[in-house]
Each structure stands twice: as C-alpha cells, then as structure tokens.
Protein backbone atom coordinates (compact mmCIF):
# COMPACT_ATOMS: atom_id res chain seq x y z
CA UNK A 1 0.05 9.19 33.26
CA UNK A 2 -0.37 10.56 29.80
CA UNK A 3 1.77 8.86 27.09
CA UNK A 4 3.14 11.04 24.45
CA UNK A 5 4.02 9.47 21.09
CA UNK A 6 5.58 11.16 18.13
CA UNK A 7 4.87 9.39 15.03
CA UNK A 8 6.62 9.30 11.70
CA UNK A 9 5.07 10.20 8.47
CA UNK A 10 2.66 7.65 6.68
CA UNK A 11 4.45 4.31 6.16
CA UNK A 12 4.06 4.60 2.43
CA UNK A 13 6.48 7.51 2.39
CA UNK A 14 9.20 5.62 4.36
CA UNK A 15 11.66 3.29 3.24
CA UNK A 16 12.95 0.69 5.85
CA UNK A 17 16.43 -0.69 5.64
CA UNK A 18 16.34 -4.20 7.17
CA UNK A 19 20.11 -4.71 6.86
CA UNK A 20 20.88 -8.20 7.87
CA UNK A 21 17.18 -9.15 8.66
CA UNK A 22 16.11 -8.44 5.08
CA UNK A 23 15.84 -12.30 4.25
CA UNK A 24 13.86 -12.97 7.42
CA UNK A 25 11.53 -9.99 6.95
CA UNK A 26 10.76 -11.11 3.33
CA UNK A 27 9.98 -14.76 4.32
CA UNK A 28 7.52 -13.41 7.06
CA UNK A 29 6.01 -11.01 4.40
CA UNK A 30 5.44 -14.02 2.20
CA UNK A 31 3.88 -16.19 5.10
CA UNK A 32 1.56 -13.42 6.33
CA UNK A 33 0.83 -12.00 2.91
CA UNK A 34 1.29 -8.35 4.24
CA UNK A 35 4.18 -5.94 3.89
CA UNK A 36 6.08 -5.43 7.28
CA UNK A 37 4.87 -2.46 9.19
CA UNK A 38 7.47 0.08 10.32
CA UNK A 39 9.12 -1.48 13.26
CA UNK A 40 9.94 1.42 15.44
CA UNK A 41 8.48 4.72 16.48
CA UNK A 42 9.65 7.74 18.40
CA UNK A 43 8.91 7.23 22.16
CA UNK A 44 8.02 9.87 24.72
CA UNK A 45 11.67 10.69 25.48
CA UNK A 46 12.67 11.04 21.75
CA UNK A 47 14.31 7.49 21.52
CA UNK A 48 13.18 4.71 19.16
CA UNK A 49 11.09 2.00 20.51
CA UNK A 50 9.32 -1.16 18.95
CA UNK A 51 5.82 -0.70 17.73
CA UNK A 52 3.21 -3.10 18.78
CA UNK A 53 1.94 -3.37 15.29
CA UNK A 54 5.34 -4.77 14.15
CA UNK A 55 5.54 -7.27 17.19
CA UNK A 56 1.92 -8.46 16.12
CA UNK A 57 2.98 -8.86 12.46
CA UNK A 58 6.00 -10.82 13.59
CA UNK A 59 3.85 -13.19 15.66
CA UNK A 60 1.90 -13.84 12.46
CA UNK A 61 -1.28 -12.41 13.98
CA UNK A 62 -3.97 -10.77 11.79
CA UNK A 63 -3.41 -7.00 11.42
CA UNK A 64 -5.22 -5.33 14.38
CA UNK A 65 -5.83 -8.58 16.31
CA UNK A 66 -4.32 -6.92 19.37
CA UNK A 67 -3.46 -3.43 18.25
CA UNK A 68 -7.03 -2.42 17.40
CA UNK A 69 -8.53 -3.58 20.72
CA UNK A 70 -9.99 -0.37 22.26
CA UNK A 71 -8.56 0.79 25.46
CA UNK A 72 -5.25 -1.10 25.39
CA UNK A 73 -2.17 0.97 25.70
CA UNK A 74 1.06 0.11 23.96
CA UNK A 75 2.61 -1.58 26.94
CA UNK A 76 -0.53 -3.62 27.37
CA UNK A 77 -0.57 -4.61 23.63
CA UNK A 78 3.07 -5.70 23.68
CA UNK A 79 2.48 -7.72 26.84
CA UNK A 80 -0.43 -9.64 25.23
CA UNK A 81 1.57 -10.02 22.03
CA UNK A 82 4.46 -11.30 23.82
CA UNK A 83 2.69 -13.77 25.94
CA UNK A 84 0.60 -15.11 22.97
CA UNK A 85 1.14 -18.03 20.76
CA UNK A 86 2.36 -17.62 17.16
CA UNK A 87 -0.38 -19.36 15.24
CA UNK A 88 1.85 -20.78 12.56
CA UNK A 89 4.10 -22.43 14.96
CA UNK A 90 1.24 -23.61 17.08
CA UNK A 91 -0.20 -25.24 13.99
CA UNK A 92 2.97 -26.69 13.03
CA UNK A 93 3.53 -28.21 16.52
CA UNK A 94 0.01 -29.63 16.61
CA UNK A 95 0.38 -31.22 13.18
CA UNK A 96 3.52 -32.90 13.99
CA UNK A 97 2.33 -34.26 17.28
CA UNK A 98 -0.72 -35.78 15.45
CA UNK A 99 1.61 -37.43 12.95
CA UNK A 100 3.93 -38.68 15.73
CA UNK A 101 1.00 -40.72 17.17
CA UNK A 102 0.09 -42.03 13.70
CA UNK A 103 3.70 -42.97 12.96
CA UNK A 104 4.17 -44.61 16.34
CA UNK A 105 0.94 -46.80 15.89
CA UNK A 106 2.16 -47.62 12.32
CA UNK A 107 5.57 -48.68 13.60
CA UNK A 108 4.27 -50.85 16.48
CA UNK A 109 1.90 -52.70 13.99
CA UNK A 110 4.91 -53.54 11.80
CA UNK A 111 7.17 -54.54 14.74
CA UNK A 112 4.54 -56.79 16.31
CA UNK A 113 2.60 -57.90 13.35
C-alpha cells in the first residue's frame, strides 16, 4: 500500500502555537539543545497526525536516530520510538540506583559501626 503524505512548507516559515504546553516544550528544547520540530503533518486522509521526528525529539533522541534509518515507514518509526527508552530518564534512573547502593552501605556502616 502506498502512503501519501502531504507536507507543510519548510519549518522555518511556520509558527507553532504550543498553548498550554509552551513551558514543557521550552524545557525540552533546553535539554536537547534543539528547537522543537513541527509536531504534526497532514496525513493521507487530510487530517493532522503526529510526526515521527517530533516523537523522536520528545524522547530526547538525537535528530535522525530513528527517522533517518533507511526503509522505515512512519508507523515503524513511531513503533520503535514508542518502545524505546528515553536516554535522559534512563541515565537518571541508573544514577539514582547507583547512589542508593552507596547510601545504603554508608547507612549500614554507621548503624553497625
């Protein structure tokens, strides 16, 4: 099945109104160091749908990490992005787990020493 995608003009010419999500979008831009991509595109039936590049950006992945992989269709890209791990959250979880062990060992030494 062929997939028809109607695209908008270049992102530089568009202004995105994030409404209530503006603070969260600006925080993510600061974390990633990249401007938020346009979040939606016109799908094959004329409605708006999420872009894979925006989902990739939300997860904190490098630009093109999934979306520039040759041969992956949009649905496959979104599936891989959605089943992936957000690197910043994984790092934070790992960091906290490593510190829990150190904290517990230090606490046990004080209690038994």
